[in-house]
Protein backbone atom coordinates (compact mmCIF):
# COMPACT_ATOMS: atom_id res chain seq x y z
CA MET A 1 16.68 4.75 4.88
CA ASN A 2 13.67 5.81 7.03
CA ILE A 3 10.38 4.11 5.76
CA VAL A 4 6.86 4.45 6.98
CA ILE A 5 4.38 1.71 6.12
CA LEU A 6 0.67 2.23 6.68
CA GLY A 7 -1.51 -0.86 6.85
CA ALA A 8 1.53 -2.78 8.00
CA THR A 9 -0.26 -5.63 9.46
CA GLY A 10 -2.15 -6.57 6.33
CA GLY A 11 -1.14 -9.47 4.05
CA ILE A 12 1.26 -7.28 1.75
CA GLY A 13 2.18 -4.81 4.44
CA LYS A 14 3.35 -7.45 6.81
CA VAL A 15 5.83 -9.16 4.30
CA LEU A 16 7.14 -5.84 3.20
CA SER A 17 7.71 -4.63 7.02
CA ASN A 18 9.52 -7.91 7.80
CA ASN A 19 11.53 -7.65 4.42
CA LEU A 20 12.43 -4.02 4.60
CA SER A 21 13.26 -4.24 8.50
CA SER A 22 16.65 -5.66 7.45
CA ASN A 23 17.96 -3.01 5.77
CA HIS A 24 15.99 0.22 6.89
CA ASP A 25 14.62 1.95 9.92
CA LEU A 26 10.82 1.37 10.11
CA TYR A 27 7.90 3.43 11.43
CA LEU A 28 4.63 1.02 11.27
CA GLY A 29 1.09 1.84 11.42
CA SER A 30 -2.22 0.00 11.71
CA ARG A 31 -5.63 0.27 13.01
CA ASN A 32 -5.24 -2.89 15.09
CA LYS A 33 -3.06 -2.27 18.00
CA ASN A 34 -2.58 -5.79 19.05
CA ASN A 35 -1.65 -7.01 15.70
CA LEU A 36 0.93 -4.08 15.26
CA ASP A 37 2.43 -4.84 18.54
CA GLU A 38 2.90 -8.38 17.82
CA LEU A 39 4.28 -7.66 14.41
CA ILE A 40 6.83 -5.16 16.00
CA LEU A 41 7.74 -7.83 18.45
CA ASP A 42 8.14 -10.37 15.93
CA ILE A 43 10.45 -8.24 13.85
CA THR A 44 12.39 -6.99 16.92
CA GLN A 45 13.15 -10.49 17.96
CA GLU A 46 14.14 -11.65 14.76
CA SER A 47 16.70 -8.56 14.57
CA VAL A 48 18.53 -9.91 17.41
CA TYR A 49 19.97 -12.81 15.22
CA LYS A 50 21.03 -10.29 12.59
CA GLU A 51 24.31 -8.50 12.40
CA ASN A 52 22.85 -5.20 11.33
CA SER A 53 19.75 -4.32 13.15
CA HIS A 54 17.66 -1.35 12.52
CA SER A 55 15.06 0.64 14.60
CA ILE A 56 11.45 -0.05 14.27
CA GLY A 57 8.55 1.75 16.03
CA GLY A 58 4.89 2.10 15.10
CA SER A 59 1.46 3.27 16.32
CA GLU A 60 -2.23 3.22 15.70
CA VAL A 61 -3.47 4.93 12.79
CA ASP A 62 -7.01 5.20 10.84
CA GLY A 63 -6.06 5.96 7.29
CA SER A 64 -9.50 7.17 6.51
CA GLU A 65 -9.40 9.85 9.26
CA PHE A 66 -7.27 13.03 8.35
CA ASP A 67 -6.64 13.91 12.02
CA SER A 68 -5.34 10.41 12.70
CA VAL A 69 -2.94 10.49 9.72
CA LYS A 70 -1.61 13.89 10.76
CA GLU A 71 -0.89 12.77 14.46
CA PHE A 72 0.57 9.49 13.06
CA PHE A 73 3.02 11.43 10.74
CA GLN A 74 4.18 13.51 13.72
CA MET A 75 4.97 10.40 15.74
CA ALA A 76 6.78 8.79 12.89
CA ASN A 77 9.03 11.79 12.30
CA ASP A 78 9.58 12.14 15.90
CA SER A 79 10.72 8.50 16.20
CA LEU A 80 12.68 8.36 13.08
CA GLY A 81 14.37 11.92 12.98
CA SER A 82 13.19 12.26 9.14
CA ILE A 83 11.12 10.31 6.62
CA ASP A 84 12.61 9.10 3.26
CA CYS A 85 9.94 7.04 2.01
CA VAL A 86 6.05 6.20 2.73
CA ILE A 87 4.18 3.05 1.54
CA ASN A 88 0.45 3.01 2.13
CA CYS A 89 -0.67 -0.52 2.12
CA ILE A 90 -4.15 0.38 3.49
CA GLY A 91 -6.94 -0.95 1.32
CA SER A 92 -10.32 -2.88 1.04
CA LEU A 93 -12.26 -4.95 -1.15
CA LEU A 94 -16.01 -4.96 -1.84
CA LEU A 95 -17.40 -6.95 -4.62
CA LYS A 96 -21.11 -5.64 -5.39
CA PRO A 97 -22.93 -4.52 -8.45
CA ALA A 98 -23.82 -0.91 -8.37
CA HIS A 99 -27.38 -1.32 -7.60
CA LEU A 100 -26.76 -3.23 -4.57
CA THR A 101 -24.09 -0.91 -3.13
CA THR A 102 -25.30 1.60 -0.57
CA GLU A 103 -24.11 5.08 -0.05
CA SER A 104 -22.43 3.98 3.15
CA ASP A 105 -20.65 1.03 1.21
CA LEU A 106 -19.28 3.64 -1.26
CA ASP A 107 -18.16 6.00 1.68
CA ASN A 108 -16.30 3.18 3.39
CA VAL A 109 -14.47 2.12 0.18
CA PHE A 110 -13.33 5.60 -0.71
CA LYS A 111 -12.44 6.57 2.66
CA THR A 112 -10.17 3.55 3.12
CA ASN A 113 -8.52 3.68 -0.17
CA VAL A 114 -8.73 7.14 -1.61
CA TYR A 115 -8.70 9.17 1.63
CA SER A 116 -6.02 7.21 2.97
CA CYS A 117 -3.59 8.03 0.08
CA PHE A 118 -4.64 11.66 -0.04
CA GLY A 119 -4.15 11.89 3.77
CA VAL A 120 -0.63 10.36 3.43
CA LEU A 121 0.19 12.84 0.60
CA LYS A 122 -1.23 15.77 2.57
CA TYR A 123 0.47 15.21 5.81
CA SER A 124 3.76 13.67 4.84
CA PHE A 125 4.76 16.81 2.83
CA LYS A 126 5.82 18.47 5.69
CA TYR A 127 8.37 16.01 6.66
CA MET A 128 9.58 15.40 2.97
CA LYS A 129 9.48 18.90 1.59
CA ASN A 130 13.20 19.57 2.30
CA ASN A 131 15.02 16.53 1.21
CA GLY A 132 12.58 14.89 -1.06
CA GLY A 133 11.52 11.12 -1.07
CA SER A 134 9.21 8.50 -2.41
CA LEU A 135 5.64 7.78 -1.91
CA ILE A 136 4.25 4.51 -2.93
CA PHE A 137 0.35 3.52 -3.24
CA PHE A 138 -1.49 0.60 -4.09
CA SER A 139 -4.14 0.82 -7.10
CA SER A 140 -5.29 -2.14 -8.61
CA ALA A 141 -5.56 -3.96 -11.90
CA ALA A 142 -9.31 -3.80 -11.55
CA SER A 143 -9.17 -0.21 -12.46
CA LYS A 144 -7.68 -1.08 -16.02
CA VAL A 145 -9.94 -3.88 -16.88
CA GLY A 146 -13.63 -4.62 -16.67
CA LEU A 147 -14.55 -7.17 -13.77
CA LYS A 148 -17.92 -7.78 -12.71
CA ASN A 149 -19.12 -6.46 -9.26
CA HIS A 150 -15.99 -4.18 -9.08
CA GLU A 151 -17.67 -0.71 -9.63
CA ALA A 152 -16.95 0.59 -6.12
CA ILE A 153 -13.42 -0.68 -5.60
CA SER A 154 -12.46 -0.22 -9.40
CA SER A 155 -13.56 3.58 -9.27
CA ALA A 156 -11.63 4.09 -6.03
CA LYS A 157 -8.31 2.55 -7.16
CA GLY A 158 -8.74 4.25 -10.58
CA ALA A 159 -9.01 7.60 -8.33
CA ILE A 160 -5.71 6.60 -6.72
CA SER A 161 -3.90 6.18 -10.20
CA SER A 162 -5.18 9.65 -11.14
CA LEU A 163 -3.89 11.14 -7.89
CA VAL A 164 -0.57 9.59 -8.55
CA ILE A 165 -0.26 11.53 -12.01
CA SER A 166 -1.39 14.72 -10.60
CA ALA A 167 0.55 14.60 -7.38
CA SER A 168 3.77 13.71 -9.05
CA SER A 169 3.62 16.82 -11.13
CA THR A 170 2.62 19.03 -8.06
CA TYR A 171 5.42 17.57 -5.76
CA ALA A 172 8.13 17.36 -8.45
CA ASN A 173 9.89 20.55 -7.48
CA TYR A 174 10.44 19.16 -4.11
CA ASN A 175 11.91 15.95 -5.36
CA ILE A 176 9.06 14.08 -4.16
CA ARG A 177 8.22 11.00 -6.25
CA VAL A 178 4.83 9.53 -6.18
CA ASN A 179 4.04 5.94 -7.75
CA ALA A 180 1.57 3.36 -7.55
CA ILE A 181 1.49 -0.59 -7.68
CA ALA A 182 -1.76 -2.14 -9.31
CA PRO A 183 -1.99 -5.84 -8.18
CA GLY A 184 -3.94 -8.54 -9.54
CA LEU A 185 -5.86 -10.99 -7.00
CA VAL A 186 -3.24 -11.58 -4.26
CA GLU A 187 -3.67 -14.28 -1.45
CA THR A 188 -4.10 -12.24 1.62
CA PRO A 189 -6.66 -12.20 4.44
CA LEU A 190 -8.52 -9.77 2.54
CA THR A 191 -9.14 -12.15 -0.39
CA GLN A 192 -9.88 -15.24 1.85
CA LYS A 193 -13.56 -15.60 0.83
CA ILE A 194 -12.47 -15.71 -2.85
CA VAL A 195 -9.36 -18.03 -2.21
CA ASN A 196 -11.15 -20.46 0.00
CA ASN A 197 -14.10 -20.78 -2.52
CA GLN A 198 -12.79 -23.37 -5.23
CA SER A 199 -15.03 -22.23 -7.92
CA SER A 200 -14.16 -18.61 -7.34
CA LEU A 201 -10.45 -19.35 -7.05
CA GLU A 202 -10.49 -21.24 -10.38
CA TYR A 203 -12.44 -18.44 -12.08
CA SER A 204 -9.99 -15.73 -10.76
CA ARG A 205 -6.94 -17.88 -11.75
CA ASN A 206 -8.48 -18.18 -15.31
CA LEU A 207 -8.48 -14.42 -15.56
CA HIS A 208 -4.72 -14.06 -15.13
CA GLY A 209 -2.39 -14.77 -17.94
CA LEU A 210 -0.04 -16.97 -15.86
CA ASN A 211 -3.21 -18.90 -14.63
CA ARG A 212 -2.08 -18.32 -10.87
CA ILE A 213 -2.94 -15.62 -8.30
CA GLY A 214 -0.18 -13.64 -6.62
CA SER A 215 1.30 -13.67 -3.38
CA PRO A 216 2.73 -10.71 -1.04
CA ASP A 217 6.25 -11.79 -1.88
CA ASN A 218 5.78 -10.69 -5.53
CA PHE A 219 5.87 -7.12 -4.42
CA ILE A 220 9.26 -7.10 -2.51
CA PRO A 221 11.22 -6.60 -5.90
CA ILE A 222 9.26 -3.72 -7.26
CA ILE A 223 9.10 -2.00 -3.84
CA GLU A 224 12.80 -2.52 -3.39
CA SER A 225 13.51 -0.93 -6.75
CA LEU A 226 11.24 2.02 -6.36
CA ILE A 227 12.63 3.01 -3.04
CA ASP A 228 16.23 2.62 -4.39
CA THR A 229 17.96 6.07 -4.72
CA ARG A 230 19.10 4.99 -8.36
CA SER A 231 15.18 5.06 -9.34
CA ASP A 232 15.23 8.83 -8.55
CA TRP A 233 14.00 9.58 -12.08
CA ILE A 234 10.78 7.42 -11.81
CA THR A 235 7.54 9.29 -10.74
CA GLY A 236 3.90 9.45 -11.88
CA GLN A 237 3.54 5.74 -12.80
CA THR A 238 1.21 2.90 -11.93
CA PHE A 239 3.04 -0.50 -12.21
CA SER A 240 0.93 -3.29 -13.11
CA ILE A 241 2.12 -6.37 -10.95
CA ASP A 242 -0.91 -8.65 -11.84
CA GLY A 243 0.07 -11.95 -13.35
CA GLY A 244 -1.17 -10.70 -16.60
CA LEU A 245 -4.63 -9.87 -15.65
CA SER A 246 -4.83 -6.24 -17.15
CA ASN A 247 -3.32 -7.18 -20.46
CA VAL A 248 -2.83 -10.78 -21.17
CA LYS A 249 -5.70 -13.04 -22.57
């Protein structure tokens, strides 16, 4: 399968890229070229020791800019020959109450999270409309449960879940499936300020039914399931992978 991953050098994106490279051809995207080159090199060197190696390429992309996303998908399709699946791992985390959130803050949150998903949807269609495929976005459990100081990020992530519902209807006739995953708190570079603060970490753990935060590895099974061709009857869903944050007290 030919898979495109945006935000490939982030905490979840990197783990998915390494895992999926064993069985699929990948084209990776990131805003940080050095990190992207390093990731591709690491995966390429690791594949030398595997019997079934798959192709891997990538290029810079700014998911918040439509022109950048458009060019990225052109290069991805040229590299892979076709596109079967796109996983958008681009995201951000802003924890501020609404009265302290600036217009610039809000613009950045929505451009990073919502615009990147909208751009993926808009520009991947050209390459998936004939054969169908799967789009996977990342929402958040914060869009389902009231959490302090999450006004900006929870509204953006909620918009992603709403986008998934509408897009799954719009593109169903093309056999393009659109789904999202809603994580709880996951230990990644993005969440280090929380994880490295013992009181904040303990507070966050207590919010999750399982009394622990997640790791990027927790998303490998659901991703593998959603891209499986036997899951071709699943669309328009947001799956909570959140340690019970959204519904267990």
